[in-house]
Amino acid sequence: MPQCIIGWDIGGAHVKAAVLDSNGSVLNVFQSPCPLWQGIEYLNQAVEDILQKTPDSNYKHVITMTGELVDLFENRDQGVAEIIKAMREYLSGQELIVYAGLNGFLKPSVISDKHYESIASANWLASASFAASKLDAGLFIDIGSTTTDILVLKASKVHAIGLTDFDRMVSDELVYTGIIRTAVMAVAQSACFKGNNMGLMAEYFATMADVYRLTAELNEAHDQTDTADGAEKTILASAKRLSRMTGYEYLDEDLSLWKQFAENIKTQQKNKIKQACEKHLSRNLLSNKDCFIGAGVGRFLVKQLADDLGYPYIDFSELIEQKVKGLEIDTADCAPAVAVALLYSKLSI
């Protein structure tokens, strides 16, 4: 008998979840902050926060993760093992399934240390594999709060060069930049400011959430992270944080100056992602009729890149049968959680 499924994407800063009904339609999606580096109890709190918002039901739980990377754990293998253990304990009595990349879906009882590498940070493969099952070809790009994944899809398969984070960073399939948590100093070491190109302070004064708040492209519901200085999340506060990068004395009447500065920083981040996209387009596996598929909270940049490079654009949410619309957090924001749930639902029919 078909059963309701919750797909979980357990990150180091957020936990995302997608709830499917027994017919495989997405009923709802959620995102909860989870500073996992501070302790495993934050994972339990995030899961509890989400489950309190779901209807009472006997769910199957399907998980993927990137949270094993946090420095709470001595190494990735320990992180994978501890996250699975925590989820088993918290969801005691309910069925748990773990996504292991090319090794498919595994019950915890059969998982050993030989599986840890394929389980670690495999969420990108779930999202890209689901997109590939819906489209013959395209460039899948998921821009999140911290990272960007870029995958070539061809003949309804994911043509990944690397599988581990190391190999994917070498291949530019993983670009460590995102639109919320990434520090500005990690994006730009210099910028055009008041008519001059100048160096910037290498200090954690501002994040990319400040940049996109000033460019009016940030959905505030996506920003669940503390600001660099612990102050409020307003346009003026973001401008003040950005001003510290330059050493220029902040004045409220200079807001237009800081908006220009934010546009320059945005351009630098966008160009970094664009270069990685062009690298994969140069593999000549795609034509200019193939689309860019945008996922993640920063997919507005994917749409802009598709327009800049002359490719059609499709949103990840358009690939999904769903009964949820108009929420601040949507299915494309939570692509890996949605993908693991849907991929598993197809297997269990």
C-alpha atoms as a PDB file:
ATOM      1  CA  MET A   1       0.000   0.000   0.000  1.00  0.00           C
ATOM      2  CA  PRO A   2       1.408   3.434  -0.941  1.00  0.00           C
ATOM      3  CA  GLN A   3       2.722   5.407   2.007  1.00  0.00           C
ATOM      4  CA  CYS A   4       3.421   9.075   2.639  1.00  0.00           C
ATOM      5  CA  ILE A   5       7.109  10.010   2.389  1.00  0.00           C
ATOM      6  CA  ILE A   6       9.229  12.786   3.839  1.00  0.00           C
ATOM      7  CA  GLY A   7      12.473  13.554   2.026  1.00  0.00           C
ATOM      8  CA  TRP A   8      15.173  15.138   4.196  1.00  0.00           C
ATOM      9  CA  ASP A   9      18.219  17.139   3.120  1.00  0.00           C
ATOM     10  CA  ILE A  10      20.374  17.461   6.223  1.00  0.00           C
ATOM     11  CA  GLY A  11      22.869  20.275   5.838  1.00  0.00           C
ATOM     12  CA  GLY A  12      25.330  21.881   8.181  1.00  0.00           C
ATOM     13  CA  ALA A  13      23.323  25.100   8.418  1.00  0.00           C
ATOM     14  CA  HIS A  14      19.780  24.113   7.425  1.00  0.00           C
ATOM     15  CA  VAL A  15      17.539  21.085   7.338  1.00  0.00           C
ATOM     16  CA  LYS A  16      15.084  20.928   4.459  1.00  0.00           C
ATOM     17  CA  ALA A  17      12.168  18.555   4.072  1.00  0.00           C
ATOM     18  CA  ALA A  18       9.582  17.661   1.443  1.00  0.00           C
ATOM     19  CA  VAL A  19       6.325  15.903   2.293  1.00  0.00           C
ATOM     20  CA  LEU A  20       4.766  13.634  -0.343  1.00  0.00           C
ATOM     21  CA  ASP A  21       1.281  12.175  -0.237  1.00  0.00           C
ATOM     22  CA  SER A  22       0.638   8.515  -0.988  1.00  0.00           C
ATOM     23  CA  ASN A  23       0.282   9.332  -4.698  1.00  0.00           C
ATOM     24  CA  GLY A  24       3.716  10.926  -4.909  1.00  0.00           C
ATOM     25  CA  SER A  25       2.565  14.547  -5.087  1.00  0.00           C
ATOM     26  CA  VAL A  26       4.424  17.175  -3.056  1.00  0.00           C
ATOM     27  CA  LEU A  27       2.190  18.458  -0.281  1.00  0.00           C
ATOM     28  CA  ASN A  28       4.604  20.834   1.410  1.00  0.00           C
ATOM     29  CA  VAL A  29       8.244  21.810   1.851  1.00  0.00           C
ATOM     30  CA  PHE A  30      10.055  23.209   4.870  1.00  0.00           C
ATOM     31  CA  GLN A  31      13.389  24.715   5.821  1.00  0.00           C
ATOM     32  CA  SER A  32      14.633  25.044   9.375  1.00  0.00           C
ATOM     33  CA  PRO A  33      17.935  26.527  10.587  1.00  0.00           C
ATOM     34  CA  CYS A  34      20.357  23.940  11.966  1.00  0.00           C
ATOM     35  CA  PRO A  35      23.789  25.134  13.167  1.00  0.00           C
ATOM     36  CA  LEU A  36      24.989  21.544  13.286  1.00  0.00           C
ATOM     37  CA  TRP A  37      28.580  22.540  14.018  1.00  0.00           C
ATOM     38  CA  GLN A  38      27.388  23.580  17.482  1.00  0.00           C
ATOM     39  CA  GLY A  39      26.021  20.153  18.394  1.00  0.00           C
ATOM     40  CA  ILE A  40      23.955  17.196  17.195  1.00  0.00           C
ATOM     41  CA  GLU A  41      21.055  18.417  19.348  1.00  0.00           C
ATOM     42  CA  TYR A  42      20.448  21.146  16.755  1.00  0.00           C
ATOM     43  CA  LEU A  43      19.600  18.445  14.218  1.00  0.00           C
ATOM     44  CA  ASN A  44      16.995  17.042  16.586  1.00  0.00           C
ATOM     45  CA  GLN A  45      15.560  20.512  17.126  1.00  0.00           C
ATOM     46  CA  ALA A  46      15.320  21.194  13.379  1.00  0.00           C
ATOM     47  CA  VAL A  47      13.655  17.850  12.681  1.00  0.00           C
ATOM     48  CA  GLU A  48      11.208  18.409  15.540  1.00  0.00           C
ATOM     49  CA  ASP A  49      10.420  21.910  14.250  1.00  0.00           C
ATOM     50  CA  ILE A  50       9.515  20.498  10.844  1.00  0.00           C
ATOM     51  CA  LEU A  51       7.579  17.465  12.088  1.00  0.00           C
ATOM     52  CA  GLN A  52       5.391  19.701  14.254  1.00  0.00           C
ATOM     53  CA  LYS A  53       4.218  21.368  11.032  1.00  0.00           C
ATOM     54  CA  THR A  54       3.336  18.117   9.234  1.00  0.00           C
ATOM     55  CA  PRO A  55       0.069  16.195   9.524  1.00  0.00           C
ATOM     56  CA  ASP A  56       0.112  13.181  11.819  1.00  0.00           C
ATOM     57  CA  SER A  57       0.918  10.192   9.647  1.00  0.00           C
ATOM     58  CA  ASN A  58       3.064   7.091   9.431  1.00  0.00           C
ATOM     59  CA  TYR A  59       5.810   8.346   7.138  1.00  0.00           C
ATOM     60  CA  LYS A  60       8.725   6.731   5.434  1.00  0.00           C
ATOM     61  CA  HIS A  61      11.739   8.995   5.892  1.00  0.00           C
ATOM     62  CA  VAL A  62      14.333   9.246   3.122  1.00  0.00           C
ATOM     63  CA  ILE A  63      17.485  11.234   3.875  1.00  0.00           C
ATOM     64  CA  THR A  64      20.407  12.767   2.049  1.00  0.00           C
ATOM     65  CA  MET A  65      23.030  14.967   3.641  1.00  0.00           C
ATOM     66  CA  THR A  66      25.922  17.412   3.518  1.00  0.00           C
ATOM     67  CA  GLY A  67      26.044  18.032   7.255  1.00  0.00           C
ATOM     68  CA  GLU A  68      28.790  15.453   7.735  1.00  0.00           C
ATOM     69  CA  LEU A  69      31.226  18.188   6.672  1.00  0.00           C
ATOM     70  CA  VAL A  70      30.829  20.313   9.796  1.00  0.00           C
ATOM     71  CA  ASP A  71      33.709  20.460  12.254  1.00  0.00           C
ATOM     72  CA  LEU A  72      31.605  18.908  15.000  1.00  0.00           C
ATOM     73  CA  PHE A  73      32.854  15.627  13.536  1.00  0.00           C
ATOM     74  CA  GLU A  74      36.467  14.475  13.311  1.00  0.00           C
ATOM     75  CA  ASN A  75      35.975  13.277   9.732  1.00  0.00           C
ATOM     76  CA  ARG A  76      33.289  12.713   7.137  1.00  0.00           C
ATOM     77  CA  ASP A  77      32.790   9.037   7.960  1.00  0.00           C
ATOM     78  CA  GLN A  78      32.060   9.895  11.570  1.00  0.00           C
ATOM     79  CA  GLY A  79      29.692  12.632  10.430  1.00  0.00           C
ATOM     80  CA  VAL A  80      27.718  10.256   8.202  1.00  0.00           C
ATOM     81  CA  ALA A  81      27.496   7.658  10.959  1.00  0.00           C
ATOM     82  CA  GLU A  82      26.444  10.189  13.617  1.00  0.00           C
ATOM     83  CA  ILE A  83      23.755  11.791  11.446  1.00  0.00           C
ATOM     84  CA  ILE A  84      22.252   8.405  10.563  1.00  0.00           C
ATOM     85  CA  LYS A  85      22.381   7.389  14.228  1.00  0.00           C
ATOM     86  CA  ALA A  86      20.671  10.613  15.328  1.00  0.00           C
ATOM     87  CA  MET A  87      17.914  10.259  12.734  1.00  0.00           C
ATOM     88  CA  ARG A  88      17.334   6.595  13.650  1.00  0.00           C
ATOM     89  CA  GLU A  89      17.027   7.479  17.315  1.00  0.00           C
ATOM     90  CA  TYR A  90      14.790  10.471  16.767  1.00  0.00           C
ATOM     91  CA  LEU A  91      12.524   8.661  14.281  1.00  0.00           C
ATOM     92  CA  SER A  92      12.463   5.453  16.278  1.00  0.00           C
ATOM     93  CA  GLY A  93       9.686   3.160  15.097  1.00  0.00           C
ATOM     94  CA  GLN A  94       9.430   4.798  11.676  1.00  0.00           C
ATOM     95  CA  GLU A  95      11.082   3.492   8.531  1.00  0.00           C
ATOM     96  CA  LEU A  96      14.303   5.272   7.548  1.00  0.00           C
ATOM     97  CA  ILE A  97      16.017   5.032   4.162  1.00  0.00           C
ATOM     98  CA  VAL A  98      19.399   6.591   3.290  1.00  0.00           C
ATOM     99  CA  TYR A  99      20.356   7.851  -0.162  1.00  0.00           C
ATOM    100  CA  ALA A 100      23.784   6.515  -1.117  1.00  0.00           C
ATOM    101  CA  GLY A 101      24.287   8.065  -4.542  1.00  0.00           C
ATOM    102  CA  LEU A 102      25.257   5.481  -7.144  1.00  0.00           C
ATOM    103  CA  ASN A 103      24.622   2.770  -4.552  1.00  0.00           C
ATOM    104  CA  GLY A 104      20.955   3.723  -4.449  1.00  0.00           C
ATOM    105  CA  PHE A 105      18.736   3.676  -1.380  1.00  0.00           C
ATOM    106  CA  LEU A 106      19.850   1.685   1.650  1.00  0.00           C
ATOM    107  CA  LYS A 107      18.294   0.683   4.939  1.00  0.00           C
ATOM    108  CA  PRO A 108      20.470   1.650   7.909  1.00  0.00           C
ATOM    109  CA  SER A 109      20.785  -2.003   8.904  1.00  0.00           C
ATOM    110  CA  VAL A 110      22.854  -2.789   5.791  1.00  0.00           C
ATOM    111  CA  ILE A 111      25.027   0.348   5.873  1.00  0.00           C
ATOM    112  CA  SER A 112      28.690  -0.114   6.759  1.00  0.00           C
ATOM    113  CA  ASP A 113      31.742   2.103   6.550  1.00  0.00           C
ATOM    114  CA  LYS A 114      32.222   1.107   2.897  1.00  0.00           C
ATOM    115  CA  HIS A 115      29.049   3.068   2.064  1.00  0.00           C
ATOM    116  CA  TYR A 116      29.977   6.298   3.826  1.00  0.00           C
ATOM    117  CA  GLU A 117      31.784   7.891   0.882  1.00  0.00           C
ATOM    118  CA  SER A 118      28.795   7.411  -1.420  1.00  0.00           C
ATOM    119  CA  ILE A 119      26.381   8.750   1.225  1.00  0.00           C
ATOM    120  CA  ALA A 120      28.437  11.844   2.075  1.00  0.00           C
ATOM    121  CA  SER A 121      27.320  15.013   0.268  1.00  0.00           C
ATOM    122  CA  ALA A 122      25.317  13.125  -2.351  1.00  0.00           C
ATOM    123  CA  ASN A 123      22.351  15.503  -2.316  1.00  0.00           C
ATOM    124  CA  TRP A 124      23.428  17.123  -5.606  1.00  0.00           C
ATOM    125  CA  LEU A 125      23.226  13.748  -7.368  1.00  0.00           C
ATOM    126  CA  ALA A 126      19.659  13.239  -6.191  1.00  0.00           C
ATOM    127  CA  SER A 127      18.551  16.620  -7.570  1.00  0.00           C
ATOM    128  CA  ALA A 128      20.399  16.233 -10.857  1.00  0.00           C
ATOM    129  CA  SER A 129      19.224  12.628 -11.310  1.00  0.00           C
ATOM    130  CA  PHE A 130      15.619  13.650 -10.818  1.00  0.00           C
ATOM    131  CA  ALA A 131      15.987  16.508 -13.306  1.00  0.00           C
ATOM    132  CA  ALA A 132      17.623  14.119 -15.782  1.00  0.00           C
ATOM    133  CA  SER A 133      14.664  11.757 -15.456  1.00  0.00           C
ATOM    134  CA  LYS A 134      12.393  14.575 -16.620  1.00  0.00           C
ATOM    135  CA  LEU A 135      14.554  16.148 -19.344  1.00  0.00           C
ATOM    136  CA  ASP A 136      16.699  14.711 -22.111  1.00  0.00           C
ATOM    137  CA  ALA A 137      19.454  17.301 -21.754  1.00  0.00           C
ATOM    138  CA  GLY A 138      20.387  20.518 -20.026  1.00  0.00           C
ATOM    139  CA  LEU A 139      22.708  22.238 -17.574  1.00  0.00           C
ATOM    140  CA  PHE A 140      21.460  21.735 -14.027  1.00  0.00           C
ATOM    141  CA  ILE A 141      22.504  24.548 -11.680  1.00  0.00           C
ATOM    142  CA  ASP A 142      21.596  24.674  -8.011  1.00  0.00           C
ATOM    143  CA  ILE A 143      22.693  27.892  -6.304  1.00  0.00           C
ATOM    144  CA  GLY A 144      22.108  27.647  -2.585  1.00  0.00           C
ATOM    145  CA  SER A 145      22.945  29.631   0.508  1.00  0.00           C
ATOM    146  CA  THR A 146      26.557  28.397   0.555  1.00  0.00           C
ATOM    147  CA  THR A 147      27.414  26.402  -2.575  1.00  0.00           C
ATOM    148  CA  THR A 148      26.657  26.046  -6.269  1.00  0.00           C
ATOM    149  CA  ASP A 149      26.296  22.710  -8.104  1.00  0.00           C
ATOM    150  CA  ILE A 150      26.670  22.561 -11.894  1.00  0.00           C
ATOM    151  CA  LEU A 151      25.914  19.310 -13.729  1.00  0.00           C
ATOM    152  CA  VAL A 152      25.593  18.384 -17.383  1.00  0.00           C
ATOM    153  CA  LEU A 153      22.532  16.270 -18.202  1.00  0.00           C
ATOM    154  CA  LYS A 154      22.542  14.329 -21.476  1.00  0.00           C
ATOM    155  CA  ALA A 155      20.387  11.451 -22.745  1.00  0.00           C
ATOM    156  CA  SER A 156      18.468  11.630 -19.442  1.00  0.00           C
ATOM    157  CA  LYS A 157      21.619  10.872 -17.445  1.00  0.00           C
ATOM    158  CA  VAL A 158      23.893  12.917 -15.201  1.00  0.00           C
ATOM    159  CA  HIS A 159      27.290  13.268 -16.877  1.00  0.00           C
ATOM    160  CA  ALA A 160      29.257  14.043 -13.729  1.00  0.00           C
ATOM    161  CA  ILE A 161      33.052  14.208 -13.874  1.00  0.00           C
ATOM    162  CA  GLY A 162      33.504  13.934 -10.102  1.00  0.00           C
ATOM    163  CA  LEU A 163      31.615  12.263  -7.285  1.00  0.00           C
ATOM    164  CA  THR A 164      33.452  13.453  -4.162  1.00  0.00           C
ATOM    165  CA  ASP A 165      33.561  17.088  -3.054  1.00  0.00           C
ATOM    166  CA  PHE A 166      37.297  17.180  -3.842  1.00  0.00           C
ATOM    167  CA  ASP A 167      36.856  15.887  -7.390  1.00  0.00           C
ATOM    168  CA  ARG A 168      33.837  18.104  -7.970  1.00  0.00           C
ATOM    169  CA  MET A 169      35.719  21.217  -6.857  1.00  0.00           C
ATOM    170  CA  VAL A 170      38.548  20.296  -9.234  1.00  0.00           C
ATOM    171  CA  SER A 171      36.043  19.875 -12.077  1.00  0.00           C
ATOM    172  CA  ASP A 172      34.076  23.051 -11.196  1.00  0.00           C
ATOM    173  CA  GLU A 173      30.936  20.988 -10.685  1.00  0.00           C
ATOM    174  CA  LEU A 174      31.003  22.276  -7.105  1.00  0.00           C
ATOM    175  CA  VAL A 175      31.702  25.978  -6.769  1.00  0.00           C
ATOM    176  CA  TYR A 176      31.895  27.016  -3.136  1.00  0.00           C
ATOM    177  CA  THR A 177      29.851  30.181  -3.332  1.00  0.00           C
ATOM    178  CA  GLY A 178      26.260  30.947  -2.363  1.00  0.00           C
ATOM    179  CA  ILE A 179      23.909  33.879  -2.043  1.00  0.00           C
ATOM    180  CA  ILE A 180      23.386  34.020   1.721  1.00  0.00           C
ATOM    181  CA  ARG A 181      26.059  32.571   4.022  1.00  0.00           C
ATOM    182  CA  THR A 182      29.128  33.170   1.843  1.00  0.00           C
ATOM    183  CA  ALA A 183      31.376  35.895   3.211  1.00  0.00           C
ATOM    184  CA  VAL A 184      31.890  38.854   0.883  1.00  0.00           C
ATOM    185  CA  MET A 185      35.655  38.533   1.390  1.00  0.00           C
ATOM    186  CA  ALA A 186      35.427  35.043  -0.182  1.00  0.00           C
ATOM    187  CA  VAL A 187      33.832  36.500  -3.316  1.00  0.00           C
ATOM    188  CA  ALA A 188      35.831  39.660  -3.924  1.00  0.00           C
ATOM    189  CA  GLN A 189      39.256  40.892  -2.855  1.00  0.00           C
ATOM    190  CA  SER A 190      38.815  44.132  -4.773  1.00  0.00           C
ATOM    191  CA  ALA A 191      35.914  46.112  -6.184  1.00  0.00           C
ATOM    192  CA  CYS A 192      35.020  49.259  -8.092  1.00  0.00           C
ATOM    193  CA  PHE A 193      34.138  51.917  -5.539  1.00  0.00           C
ATOM    194  CA  LYS A 194      33.683  55.667  -6.083  1.00  0.00           C
ATOM    195  CA  GLY A 195      35.312  55.446  -9.496  1.00  0.00           C
ATOM    196  CA  ASN A 196      38.352  53.473  -8.366  1.00  0.00           C
ATOM    197  CA  ASN A 197      39.311  49.837  -8.192  1.00  0.00           C
ATOM    198  CA  MET A 198      40.376  49.200  -4.617  1.00  0.00           C
ATOM    199  CA  GLY A 199      41.297  46.317  -2.362  1.00  0.00           C
ATOM    200  CA  LEU A 200      38.783  45.174   0.233  1.00  0.00           C
ATOM    201  CA  MET A 201      39.309  44.254   3.853  1.00  0.00           C
ATOM    202  CA  ALA A 202      39.758  40.511   4.376  1.00  0.00           C
ATOM    203  CA  GLU A 203      37.473  40.488   7.395  1.00  0.00           C
ATOM    204  CA  TYR A 204      34.162  38.787   8.116  1.00  0.00           C
ATOM    205  CA  PHE A 205      32.240  42.045   7.995  1.00  0.00           C
ATOM    206  CA  ALA A 206      29.449  41.135   5.556  1.00  0.00           C
ATOM    207  CA  THR A 207      27.849  38.216   3.734  1.00  0.00           C
ATOM    208  CA  MET A 208      26.270  37.823   0.333  1.00  0.00           C
ATOM    209  CA  ALA A 209      22.844  38.123   1.975  1.00  0.00           C
ATOM    210  CA  ASP A 210      23.776  41.778   2.536  1.00  0.00           C
ATOM    211  CA  VAL A 211      24.665  42.129  -1.138  1.00  0.00           C
ATOM    212  CA  TYR A 212      21.410  40.659  -2.396  1.00  0.00           C
ATOM    213  CA  ARG A 213      19.378  42.591   0.151  1.00  0.00           C
ATOM    214  CA  LEU A 214      20.755  45.767  -1.460  1.00  0.00           C
ATOM    215  CA  THR A 215      20.159  44.518  -5.015  1.00  0.00           C
ATOM    216  CA  ALA A 216      16.534  43.744  -3.977  1.00  0.00           C
ATOM    217  CA  GLU A 217      16.883  40.079  -4.990  1.00  0.00           C
ATOM    218  CA  LEU A 218      16.910  38.425  -1.560  1.00  0.00           C
ATOM    219  CA  ASN A 219      13.842  36.577  -0.358  1.00  0.00           C
ATOM    220  CA  GLU A 220      14.029  37.268   3.366  1.00  0.00           C
ATOM    221  CA  ALA A 221      12.434  33.897   4.130  1.00  0.00           C
ATOM    222  CA  HIS A 222      15.582  32.257   2.755  1.00  0.00           C
ATOM    223  CA  ASP A 223      17.913  34.087   5.142  1.00  0.00           C
ATOM    224  CA  GLN A 224      17.841  32.061   8.347  1.00  0.00           C
ATOM    225  CA  THR A 225      21.461  32.782   9.297  1.00  0.00           C
ATOM    226  CA  ASP A 226      22.802  35.352  11.741  1.00  0.00           C
ATOM    227  CA  THR A 227      24.314  38.460  10.201  1.00  0.00           C
ATOM    228  CA  ALA A 228      28.077  38.979  10.381  1.00  0.00           C
ATOM    229  CA  ASP A 229      27.751  41.505  13.198  1.00  0.00           C
ATOM    230  CA  GLY A 230      24.664  40.071  14.846  1.00  0.00           C
ATOM    231  CA  ALA A 231      22.672  43.189  13.963  1.00  0.00           C
ATOM    232  CA  GLU A 232      19.340  43.436  12.192  1.00  0.00           C
ATOM    233  CA  LYS A 233      18.512  42.361   8.650  1.00  0.00           C
ATOM    234  CA  THR A 234      17.570  45.685   7.067  1.00  0.00           C
ATOM    235  CA  ILE A 235      18.758  47.503   3.973  1.00  0.00           C
ATOM    236  CA  LEU A 236      20.553  50.145   6.028  1.00  0.00           C
ATOM    237  CA  ALA A 237      22.177  47.583   8.322  1.00  0.00           C
ATOM    238  CA  SER A 238      23.371  45.617   5.281  1.00  0.00           C
ATOM    239  CA  ALA A 239      24.782  48.780   3.723  1.00  0.00           C
ATOM    240  CA  LYS A 240      26.648  49.515   6.948  1.00  0.00           C
ATOM    241  CA  ARG A 241      28.146  46.015   7.026  1.00  0.00           C
ATOM    242  CA  LEU A 242      29.275  46.359   3.402  1.00  0.00           C
ATOM    243  CA  SER A 243      30.816  49.746   4.143  1.00  0.00           C
ATOM    244  CA  ARG A 244      33.195  48.124   6.612  1.00  0.00           C
ATOM    245  CA  MET A 245      34.767  46.214   3.726  1.00  0.00           C
ATOM    246  CA  THR A 246      36.066  49.501   2.293  1.00  0.00           C
ATOM    247  CA  GLY A 247      36.956  51.529   5.382  1.00  0.00           C
ATOM    248  CA  TYR A 248      34.749  54.320   4.025  1.00  0.00           C
ATOM    249  CA  GLU A 249      32.709  56.043   6.738  1.00  0.00           C
ATOM    250  CA  TYR A 250      29.079  54.972   6.510  1.00  0.00           C
ATOM    251  CA  LEU A 251      26.362  57.607   6.138  1.00  0.00           C
ATOM    252  CA  ASP A 252      22.673  56.860   5.541  1.00  0.00           C
ATOM    253  CA  GLU A 253      22.521  59.414   2.726  1.00  0.00           C
ATOM    254  CA  ASP A 254      25.100  57.377   0.775  1.00  0.00           C
ATOM    255  CA  LEU A 255      22.738  54.418   0.265  1.00  0.00           C
ATOM    256  CA  SER A 256      22.908  54.671  -3.534  1.00  0.00           C
ATOM    257  CA  LEU A 257      26.699  54.317  -3.267  1.00  0.00           C
ATOM    258  CA  TRP A 258      26.350  51.046  -1.389  1.00  0.00           C
ATOM    259  CA  LYS A 259      23.759  49.734  -3.812  1.00  0.00           C
ATOM    260  CA  GLN A 260      26.283  50.311  -6.626  1.00  0.00           C
ATOM    261  CA  PHE A 261      28.936  48.576  -4.560  1.00  0.00           C
ATOM    262  CA  ALA A 262      26.606  45.604  -4.001  1.00  0.00           C
ATOM    263  CA  GLU A 263      25.966  45.348  -7.742  1.00  0.00           C
ATOM    264  CA  ASN A 264      29.721  45.157  -8.332  1.00  0.00           C
ATOM    265  CA  ILE A 265      30.141  42.358  -5.788  1.00  0.00           C
ATOM    266  CA  LYS A 266      27.169  40.522  -7.284  1.00  0.00           C
ATOM    267  CA  THR A 267      28.727  40.773 -10.741  1.00  0.00           C
ATOM    268  CA  GLN A 268      31.944  39.214  -9.474  1.00  0.00           C
ATOM    269  CA  GLN A 269      30.104  36.267  -7.929  1.00  0.00           C
ATOM    270  CA  LYS A 270      27.929  35.824 -10.989  1.00  0.00           C
ATOM    271  CA  ASN A 271      30.983  35.866 -13.263  1.00  0.00           C
ATOM    272  CA  LYS A 272      32.638  33.147 -11.179  1.00  0.00           C
ATOM    273  CA  ILE A 273      29.614  30.909 -11.628  1.00  0.00           C
ATOM    274  CA  LYS A 274      29.372  31.885 -15.297  1.00  0.00           C
ATOM    275  CA  GLN A 275      32.970  30.796 -15.936  1.00  0.00           C
ATOM    276  CA  ALA A 276      32.216  27.394 -14.418  1.00  0.00           C
ATOM    277  CA  CYS A 277      29.097  27.086 -16.588  1.00  0.00           C
ATOM    278  CA  GLU A 278      31.069  27.981 -19.703  1.00  0.00           C
ATOM    279  CA  LYS A 279      33.644  25.333 -18.795  1.00  0.00           C
ATOM    280  CA  HIS A 280      30.933  22.667 -18.830  1.00  0.00           C
ATOM    281  CA  LEU A 281      29.292  24.029 -21.958  1.00  0.00           C
ATOM    282  CA  SER A 282      32.685  23.698 -23.666  1.00  0.00           C
ATOM    283  CA  ARG A 283      32.424  19.917 -23.244  1.00  0.00           C
ATOM    284  CA  ASN A 284      30.103  20.113 -26.287  1.00  0.00           C
ATOM    285  CA  LEU A 285      27.508  17.768 -24.838  1.00  0.00           C
ATOM    286  CA  LEU A 286      24.746  20.379 -25.086  1.00  0.00           C
ATOM    287  CA  SER A 287      23.261  22.550 -27.808  1.00  0.00           C
ATOM    288  CA  ASN A 288      21.953  26.084 -27.380  1.00  0.00           C
ATOM    289  CA  LYS A 289      18.430  24.623 -27.561  1.00  0.00           C
ATOM    290  CA  ASP A 290      19.016  22.719 -24.340  1.00  0.00           C
ATOM    291  CA  CYS A 291      17.905  24.505 -21.213  1.00  0.00           C
ATOM    292  CA  PHE A 292      19.435  25.711 -17.989  1.00  0.00           C
ATOM    293  CA  ILE A 293      17.571  24.135 -15.065  1.00  0.00           C
ATOM    294  CA  GLY A 294      17.561  26.389 -12.019  1.00  0.00           C
ATOM    295  CA  ALA A 295      17.277  25.176  -8.426  1.00  0.00           C
ATOM    296  CA  GLY A 296      18.125  26.573  -5.007  1.00  0.00           C
ATOM    297  CA  VAL A 297      17.435  29.865  -3.284  1.00  0.00           C
ATOM    298  CA  GLY A 298      19.799  31.637  -5.696  1.00  0.00           C
ATOM    299  CA  ARG A 299      18.266  30.368  -8.912  1.00  0.00           C
ATOM    300  CA  PHE A 300      17.345  33.890  -9.964  1.00  0.00           C
ATOM    301  CA  LEU A 301      21.019  34.038 -10.966  1.00  0.00           C
ATOM    302  CA  VAL A 302      20.581  30.885 -13.074  1.00  0.00           C
ATOM    303  CA  LYS A 303      17.820  32.632 -15.013  1.00  0.00           C
ATOM    304  CA  GLN A 304      20.102  35.630 -15.559  1.00  0.00           C
ATOM    305  CA  LEU A 305      22.985  33.397 -16.673  1.00  0.00           C
ATOM    306  CA  ALA A 306      20.720  31.546 -19.105  1.00  0.00           C
ATOM    307  CA  ASP A 307      19.652  34.876 -20.602  1.00  0.00           C
ATOM    308  CA  ASP A 308      23.246  36.125 -20.773  1.00  0.00           C
ATOM    309  CA  LEU A 309      24.505  32.963 -22.478  1.00  0.00           C
ATOM    310  CA  GLY A 310      21.525  32.512 -24.816  1.00  0.00           C
ATOM    311  CA  TYR A 311      19.912  29.382 -23.361  1.00  0.00           C
ATOM    312  CA  PRO A 312      16.269  28.711 -22.481  1.00  0.00           C
ATOM    313  CA  TYR A 313      15.490  28.458 -18.769  1.00  0.00           C
ATOM    314  CA  ILE A 314      13.283  26.082 -16.820  1.00  0.00           C
ATOM    315  CA  ASP A 315      12.660  26.146 -13.102  1.00  0.00           C
ATOM    316  CA  PHE A 316      13.130  22.937 -11.113  1.00  0.00           C
ATOM    317  CA  SER A 317       9.633  23.401  -9.684  1.00  0.00           C
ATOM    318  CA  GLU A 318       8.172  23.008 -13.183  1.00  0.00           C
ATOM    319  CA  LEU A 319       9.376  19.392 -13.243  1.00  0.00           C
ATOM    320  CA  ILE A 320       7.325  18.423 -10.194  1.00  0.00           C
ATOM    321  CA  GLU A 321       3.752  17.380  -9.638  1.00  0.00           C
ATOM    322  CA  GLN A 322       2.803  19.328  -6.578  1.00  0.00           C
ATOM    323  CA  LYS A 323      -0.132  20.519  -4.534  1.00  0.00           C
ATOM    324  CA  VAL A 324       1.826  23.300  -2.880  1.00  0.00           C
ATOM    325  CA  LYS A 325       1.979  26.808  -4.331  1.00  0.00           C
ATOM    326  CA  GLY A 326       2.582  30.329  -3.139  1.00  0.00           C
ATOM    327  CA  LEU A 327       4.770  29.487  -0.144  1.00  0.00           C
ATOM    328  CA  GLU A 328       7.839  31.525   0.801  1.00  0.00           C
ATOM    329  CA  ILE A 329       9.892  28.307   0.699  1.00  0.00           C
ATOM    330  CA  ASP A 330       9.109  26.307  -2.441  1.00  0.00           C
ATOM    331  CA  THR A 331      10.038  23.013  -4.060  1.00  0.00           C
ATOM    332  CA  ALA A 332      12.960  24.409  -6.054  1.00  0.00           C
ATOM    333  CA  ASP A 333      14.422  25.905  -2.863  1.00  0.00           C
ATOM    334  CA  CYS A 334      14.468  22.392  -1.388  1.00  0.00           C
ATOM    335  CA  ALA A 335      15.417  20.464  -4.511  1.00  0.00           C
ATOM    336  CA  PRO A 336      17.477  17.643  -2.905  1.00  0.00           C
ATOM    337  CA  ALA A 337      14.806  16.902  -0.289  1.00  0.00           C
ATOM    338  CA  VAL A 338      12.128  16.837  -2.974  1.00  0.00           C
ATOM    339  CA  ALA A 339      14.308  14.743  -5.283  1.00  0.00           C
ATOM    340  CA  VAL A 340      15.167  11.972  -2.789  1.00  0.00           C
ATOM    341  CA  ALA A 341      11.525  11.669  -1.837  1.00  0.00           C
ATOM    342  CA  LEU A 342      10.352  11.471  -5.453  1.00  0.00           C
ATOM    343  CA  LEU A 343      13.120   9.147  -6.608  1.00  0.00           C
ATOM    344  CA  TYR A 344      12.372   6.754  -3.770  1.00  0.00           C
ATOM    345  CA  SER A 345       8.620   6.983  -4.341  1.00  0.00           C
ATOM    346  CA  LYS A 346       9.110   5.770  -7.916  1.00  0.00           C
ATOM    347  CA  LEU A 347      10.988   2.725  -6.633  1.00  0.00           C
ATOM    348  CA  SER A 348       8.389   1.858  -4.011  1.00  0.00           C
ATOM    349  CA  ILE A 349       5.337   2.020  -6.283  1.00  0.00           C
END
